[in-house]
Amino acid sequence: MTAACRFDEYRRAIGARSLTSLLAIPLAMVGGISGWFIGQVVAAMLVIVQIGRVLWQPMGRVDWVLLRRHLPEALQLCVVTVAWTQLLNFGRLYASMAYPAEAVAYYGVVGAAYQSISTLLISAFIPVSVGLLGRLGKNDQEAFVYMKDVLARTVWWVLAGTLVATELAIQVLGVVFPGYHFDMATLLGLLPGIALYPFFLLLGNCMVGKRKTLLYLLMITVALGVGLLVAHAVDVRFTQLGAAWGQLAGLVAFTSGLYLATRRLFGGVSSTVWDYLGSSLLGSCAVVGLFIGIRVHMANGVF
């Protein structure tokens, strides 16, 4: 759908996946971790049914020469996609490896809300990504000016929406699901990272456009390592909070690394563009940090 520029179909499929992922919330409330798992399977099956007619459309003749020529690069991108997905959902991944079943279900409920918002955001940026990659093949300066214009229109709206969603989650989830004892500190670690999505979605496309997939994979691996170290350190003092704060730390490290790497790779782009991207990224991180600090202070500093 993306390659054919059928963005309406793509958005419908992603929108359906985003909404059906919310099934995990009531099912986890009823069945714990088993309910959460069933919710994931049912959500995926419902989306397959919804796009089923597209799956049966003929692909046409396969260009095997083209396929063989780009197979190594395609496999690298597959590995990058898998690692990237785990980084975005590090909290749930770490919880499934280190925490008891009750905590996994807890992170699954929050993760369902997180995934619903983040998936919609990713789908909204697909047309922008295609436009950016097309410009990268012609003129780097034009591509980054395009990115700057997109960020100028979207980044502060995404930031505001993220903070509102985080505050709503703090106020609502504990009331709706009293059995899970939702901790404000967990929500403050998991949800605000969505504010960074516009930056690493667009900067990540630049790495792909430059064919730096191995470097991209290395940066994801380092960010996962940062998340793991932070998660271990936090869990030493605050039980079962490490997964949430490890996810936020990993996303911050990943986005910052992407900015520095792309700035070096695309050194010919004017400093005005880089200054705007850097100040927007720093400003978003500062606002998120201020929001977290205010919420912690309002709670008397007790996590």
Protein backbone atom coordinates (compact mmCIF):
# COMPACT_ATOMS: atom_id res chain seq x y z
CA MET A 1 0.00 0.00 0.00
CA THR A 2 2.83 2.38 0.86
CA ALA A 3 4.83 1.63 -2.29
CA ALA A 4 1.72 2.24 -4.41
CA CYS A 5 1.05 5.52 -2.51
CA ARG A 6 -2.38 4.21 -1.45
CA PHE A 7 -2.24 6.13 1.79
CA ASP A 8 -5.99 6.14 2.36
CA GLU A 9 -6.02 2.35 2.42
CA TYR A 10 -2.92 2.31 4.59
CA ARG A 11 -4.42 4.73 7.11
CA ARG A 12 -7.61 2.69 7.26
CA ALA A 13 -5.66 -0.47 8.03
CA ILE A 14 -3.46 1.22 10.63
CA GLY A 15 -6.45 3.00 12.14
CA ALA A 16 -8.26 -0.32 12.47
CA ARG A 17 -5.17 -1.88 14.10
CA SER A 18 -4.90 1.04 16.49
CA LEU A 19 -8.52 0.77 17.59
CA THR A 20 -8.60 -3.02 17.84
CA SER A 21 -5.45 -2.98 20.00
CA LEU A 22 -7.60 -1.36 22.71
CA LEU A 23 -9.37 -4.72 23.06
CA ALA A 24 -6.39 -5.74 25.18
CA ILE A 25 -7.50 -3.37 27.95
CA PRO A 26 -10.86 -4.98 28.91
CA LEU A 27 -9.57 -8.48 28.15
CA ALA A 28 -6.55 -7.97 30.40
CA MET A 29 -8.87 -6.69 33.13
CA VAL A 30 -10.84 -9.94 32.91
CA GLY A 31 -8.14 -12.49 32.10
CA GLY A 32 -4.85 -10.90 33.14
CA ILE A 33 -1.89 -11.72 30.92
CA SER A 34 -3.85 -14.41 29.05
CA GLY A 35 -6.55 -11.87 28.25
CA TRP A 36 -3.95 -9.42 27.03
CA PHE A 37 -2.43 -12.04 24.72
CA ILE A 38 -5.84 -13.04 23.36
CA GLY A 39 -6.57 -9.37 22.71
CA GLN A 40 -3.41 -9.03 20.59
CA VAL A 41 -4.29 -12.07 18.48
CA VAL A 42 -7.92 -11.03 18.00
CA ALA A 43 -6.86 -7.48 17.05
CA ALA A 44 -4.48 -8.74 14.38
CA MET A 45 -7.07 -11.15 12.95
CA LEU A 46 -9.73 -8.42 12.76
CA VAL A 47 -7.37 -6.20 10.78
CA ILE A 48 -6.50 -9.05 8.39
CA VAL A 49 -10.22 -9.55 7.77
CA GLN A 50 -10.65 -5.81 7.22
CA ILE A 51 -7.90 -5.66 4.57
CA GLY A 52 -8.53 -9.16 3.23
CA ARG A 53 -9.70 -7.99 -0.18
CA VAL A 54 -6.37 -6.22 -0.71
CA LEU A 55 -4.36 -9.32 0.18
CA TRP A 56 -5.86 -11.23 -2.75
CA GLN A 57 -5.00 -8.65 -5.40
CA PRO A 58 -2.40 -9.88 -7.90
CA MET A 59 1.12 -8.55 -7.45
CA GLY A 60 2.03 -8.73 -11.11
CA ARG A 61 5.28 -10.10 -12.48
CA VAL A 62 8.09 -10.34 -9.93
CA ASP A 63 11.42 -8.84 -11.00
CA TRP A 64 13.74 -11.52 -9.61
CA VAL A 65 16.89 -9.72 -10.77
CA LEU A 66 15.90 -6.61 -8.83
CA LEU A 67 14.96 -8.77 -5.85
CA ARG A 68 18.32 -10.57 -5.75
CA ARG A 69 20.23 -7.32 -6.18
CA HIS A 70 18.62 -5.71 -3.14
CA LEU A 71 18.12 -8.79 -0.96
CA PRO A 72 20.96 -8.00 1.54
CA GLU A 73 19.66 -4.47 2.00
CA ALA A 74 16.11 -5.77 2.42
CA LEU A 75 17.19 -8.23 5.09
CA GLN A 76 19.03 -5.45 6.93
CA LEU A 77 15.87 -3.33 6.87
CA CYS A 78 13.87 -6.26 8.23
CA VAL A 79 16.26 -6.59 11.17
CA VAL A 80 16.16 -2.80 11.71
CA THR A 81 12.35 -2.88 11.75
CA VAL A 82 12.24 -5.68 14.32
CA ALA A 83 14.82 -4.00 16.59
CA TRP A 84 13.13 -0.59 16.15
CA THR A 85 9.76 -2.02 17.16
CA GLN A 86 11.26 -3.55 20.32
CA LEU A 87 12.84 -0.21 21.22
CA LEU A 88 9.51 1.62 20.90
CA ASN A 89 7.89 -1.00 23.12
CA PHE A 90 10.84 -1.57 25.44
CA GLY A 91 8.74 -1.30 28.61
CA ARG A 92 6.52 -4.19 27.64
CA LEU A 93 9.50 -6.21 26.34
CA TYR A 94 11.53 -5.75 29.53
CA ALA A 95 8.52 -6.44 31.75
CA SER A 96 7.86 -9.72 29.94
CA MET A 97 11.43 -10.84 30.67
CA ALA A 98 11.94 -9.55 34.21
CA TYR A 99 8.58 -9.09 35.97
CA PRO A 100 5.88 -11.45 37.27
CA ALA A 101 2.73 -12.13 35.24
CA GLU A 102 0.66 -9.48 37.05
CA ALA A 103 3.16 -6.77 36.14
CA VAL A 104 3.28 -7.99 32.53
CA ALA A 105 -0.51 -7.61 32.30
CA TYR A 106 -0.19 -4.16 33.90
CA TYR A 107 2.33 -3.06 31.30
CA GLY A 108 0.19 -4.69 28.64
CA VAL A 109 -2.81 -2.53 29.53
CA VAL A 110 -0.76 0.68 29.41
CA GLY A 111 1.04 -0.61 26.32
CA ALA A 112 -2.29 -1.06 24.51
CA ALA A 113 -3.11 2.62 25.02
CA TYR A 114 0.44 3.59 24.10
CA GLN A 115 0.38 1.46 20.96
CA SER A 116 -2.98 2.85 19.90
CA ILE A 117 -1.68 6.43 19.98
CA SER A 118 1.76 5.70 18.55
CA THR A 119 0.45 3.56 15.68
CA LEU A 120 -1.88 6.32 14.56
CA LEU A 121 1.01 8.77 14.72
CA ILE A 122 3.26 6.51 12.65
CA SER A 123 0.56 6.10 10.00
CA ALA A 124 0.05 9.87 9.82
CA PHE A 125 3.74 10.32 8.97
CA ILE A 126 3.86 7.67 6.22
CA PRO A 127 3.05 10.12 3.37
CA VAL A 128 5.59 12.54 4.84
CA SER A 129 8.21 9.78 4.90
CA VAL A 130 7.60 8.96 1.25
CA GLY A 131 7.87 12.63 0.33
CA LEU A 132 11.07 12.99 2.32
CA LEU A 133 12.72 9.92 0.78
CA GLY A 134 11.79 11.14 -2.70
CA ARG A 135 13.44 14.49 -2.06
CA LEU A 136 16.55 12.88 -0.57
CA GLY A 137 17.18 11.20 -3.89
CA LYS A 138 17.31 14.58 -5.62
CA ASN A 139 18.39 17.35 -3.24
CA ASP A 140 19.40 16.98 0.42
CA GLN A 141 18.84 20.64 1.22
CA GLU A 142 15.32 20.55 -0.21
CA ALA A 143 14.58 17.36 1.73
CA PHE A 144 15.64 18.84 5.07
CA VAL A 145 13.78 22.10 4.46
CA TYR A 146 10.72 19.92 3.82
CA MET A 147 11.38 18.09 7.10
CA LYS A 148 11.78 21.39 8.93
CA ASP A 149 8.45 22.64 7.57
CA VAL A 150 6.68 19.41 8.58
CA LEU A 151 8.10 19.55 12.10
CA ALA A 152 7.15 23.22 12.43
CA ARG A 153 3.52 22.27 11.70
CA THR A 154 3.32 19.11 13.79
CA VAL A 155 5.83 18.83 16.62
CA TRP A 156 4.12 21.12 19.13
CA TRP A 157 0.70 19.63 18.43
CA VAL A 158 2.12 16.15 19.03
CA LEU A 159 3.79 17.38 22.22
CA ALA A 160 0.56 18.93 23.52
CA GLY A 161 -1.46 15.83 22.63
CA THR A 162 1.08 13.58 24.35
CA LEU A 163 0.96 15.56 27.59
CA VAL A 164 -2.85 15.66 27.55
CA ALA A 165 -3.00 11.88 26.91
CA THR A 166 -0.53 11.27 29.75
CA GLU A 167 -2.55 13.40 32.16
CA LEU A 168 -5.80 11.66 31.14
CA ALA A 169 -4.17 8.27 31.66
CA ILE A 170 -3.02 9.32 35.15
CA GLN A 171 -6.54 10.45 36.04
CA VAL A 172 -8.57 7.69 34.36
CA LEU A 173 -6.73 4.35 34.27
CA GLY A 174 -6.48 3.96 38.03
CA VAL A 175 -10.23 4.58 38.39
CA VAL A 176 -11.26 2.28 35.54
CA PHE A 177 -8.88 -0.53 36.53
CA PRO A 178 -8.49 -0.35 40.32
CA GLY A 179 -7.19 -3.90 40.50
CA TYR A 180 -4.00 -2.98 38.64
CA HIS A 181 -2.97 -0.15 41.00
CA PHE A 182 -1.67 2.08 38.23
CA ASP A 183 1.35 3.98 39.42
CA MET A 184 1.79 7.54 38.20
CA ALA A 185 5.53 7.00 37.84
CA THR A 186 5.00 4.17 35.34
CA LEU A 187 2.69 6.28 33.21
CA LEU A 188 5.13 9.22 33.35
CA GLY A 189 7.87 6.94 32.05
CA LEU A 190 5.92 5.24 29.27
CA LEU A 191 3.67 7.81 27.62
CA PRO A 192 5.69 11.06 27.27
CA GLY A 193 8.13 9.34 24.90
CA ILE A 194 5.47 9.65 22.18
CA ALA A 195 6.43 13.35 21.94
CA LEU A 196 9.71 12.28 20.29
CA TYR A 197 8.06 10.30 17.49
CA PRO A 198 8.10 13.08 14.83
CA PHE A 199 11.87 13.46 15.24
CA PHE A 200 13.02 9.87 15.03
CA LEU A 201 10.45 8.92 12.38
CA LEU A 202 11.80 11.57 10.00
CA LEU A 203 15.48 11.35 10.95
CA GLY A 204 15.31 7.56 10.70
CA ASN A 205 14.13 7.90 7.12
CA CYS A 206 17.25 9.92 6.41
CA MET A 207 19.41 7.03 7.61
CA VAL A 208 17.49 4.65 5.34
CA GLY A 209 17.72 7.10 2.42
CA LYS A 210 21.48 7.31 2.93
CA ARG A 211 21.62 3.48 3.02
CA LYS A 212 23.21 3.48 6.46
CA THR A 213 21.16 0.55 7.72
CA LEU A 214 24.01 -1.08 9.66
CA LEU A 215 24.76 2.20 11.44
CA TYR A 216 21.04 2.61 12.06
CA LEU A 217 20.88 -0.89 13.57
CA LEU A 218 23.91 -0.12 15.76
CA MET A 219 22.23 3.02 17.08
CA ILE A 220 19.05 1.09 17.92
CA THR A 221 21.14 -1.54 19.70
CA VAL A 222 22.95 1.12 21.74
CA ALA A 223 19.61 2.72 22.66
CA LEU A 224 18.29 -0.67 23.78
CA GLY A 225 21.42 -1.05 25.90
CA VAL A 226 20.81 2.37 27.48
CA GLY A 227 17.25 1.37 28.24
CA LEU A 228 18.42 -1.89 29.80
CA LEU A 229 20.97 -0.15 32.04
CA VAL A 230 18.44 2.46 33.19
CA ALA A 231 15.80 -0.20 33.82
CA HIS A 232 18.20 -2.21 36.00
CA ALA A 233 19.29 0.90 37.92
CA VAL A 234 15.73 2.08 38.59
CA ASP A 235 14.52 -1.39 39.63
CA VAL A 236 17.20 -1.52 42.32
CA ARG A 237 15.39 1.27 44.17
CA PHE A 238 11.85 1.30 42.74
CA THR A 239 10.42 -2.16 42.10
CA GLN A 240 8.92 -2.74 38.63
CA LEU A 241 9.34 0.89 37.53
CA GLY A 242 12.53 0.27 35.57
CA ALA A 243 10.78 -0.92 32.39
CA ALA A 244 8.91 2.36 31.99
CA TRP A 245 11.87 4.64 32.63
CA GLY A 246 14.17 2.44 30.58
CA GLN A 247 11.85 2.93 27.61
CA LEU A 248 11.91 6.72 27.98
CA ALA A 249 15.71 6.76 28.39
CA GLY A 250 16.17 4.55 25.33
CA LEU A 251 13.97 6.77 23.16
CA VAL A 252 15.77 9.93 24.29
CA ALA A 253 19.17 8.33 23.60
CA PHE A 254 18.00 7.03 20.22
CA THR A 255 16.54 10.33 19.05
CA SER A 256 19.56 12.33 20.23
CA GLY A 257 21.91 9.92 18.50
CA LEU A 258 19.91 10.12 15.28
CA TYR A 259 20.12 13.90 15.30
CA LEU A 260 23.91 13.87 15.77
CA ALA A 261 24.46 11.12 13.19
CA THR A 262 22.29 12.67 10.47
CA ARG A 263 23.85 16.06 11.06
CA ARG A 264 27.23 14.54 10.35
CA LEU A 265 26.03 12.51 7.35
CA PHE A 266 24.27 15.47 5.77
CA GLY A 267 26.85 18.10 6.56
CA GLY A 268 26.01 20.06 3.42
CA VAL A 269 22.57 21.05 4.73
CA SER A 270 22.43 24.63 5.99
CA SER A 271 23.04 25.24 9.69
CA THR A 272 19.71 27.10 9.91
CA VAL A 273 17.82 23.85 9.38
CA TRP A 274 19.97 21.96 11.89
CA ASP A 275 19.62 24.71 14.49
CA TYR A 276 15.84 24.57 14.16
CA LEU A 277 15.74 20.77 14.40
CA GLY A 278 18.07 20.78 17.40
CA SER A 279 16.22 23.55 19.25
CA SER A 280 12.86 21.85 18.60
CA LEU A 281 14.17 18.53 19.89
CA LEU A 282 15.74 20.15 22.95
CA GLY A 283 12.58 22.16 23.58
CA SER A 284 10.38 19.07 23.40
CA CYS A 285 12.62 17.20 25.85
CA ALA A 286 12.63 20.22 28.18
CA VAL A 287 8.83 20.51 28.16
CA VAL A 288 8.45 16.76 28.81
CA GLY A 289 10.97 16.99 31.66
CA LEU A 290 9.17 20.00 33.11
CA PHE A 291 5.83 18.20 32.92
CA ILE A 292 7.24 15.15 34.69
CA GLY A 293 8.85 17.35 37.34
CA ILE A 294 5.59 19.22 37.99
CA ARG A 295 3.57 16.00 38.28
CA VAL A 296 6.13 14.50 40.68
CA HIS A 297 6.14 17.71 42.76
CA MET A 298 2.34 17.67 42.86
CA ALA A 299 2.54 14.16 44.24
CA ASN A 300 4.97 15.41 46.93
CA GLY A 301 7.85 13.69 45.19
CA VAL A 302 6.50 10.25 46.10
CA PHE A 303 6.57 7.71 43.26
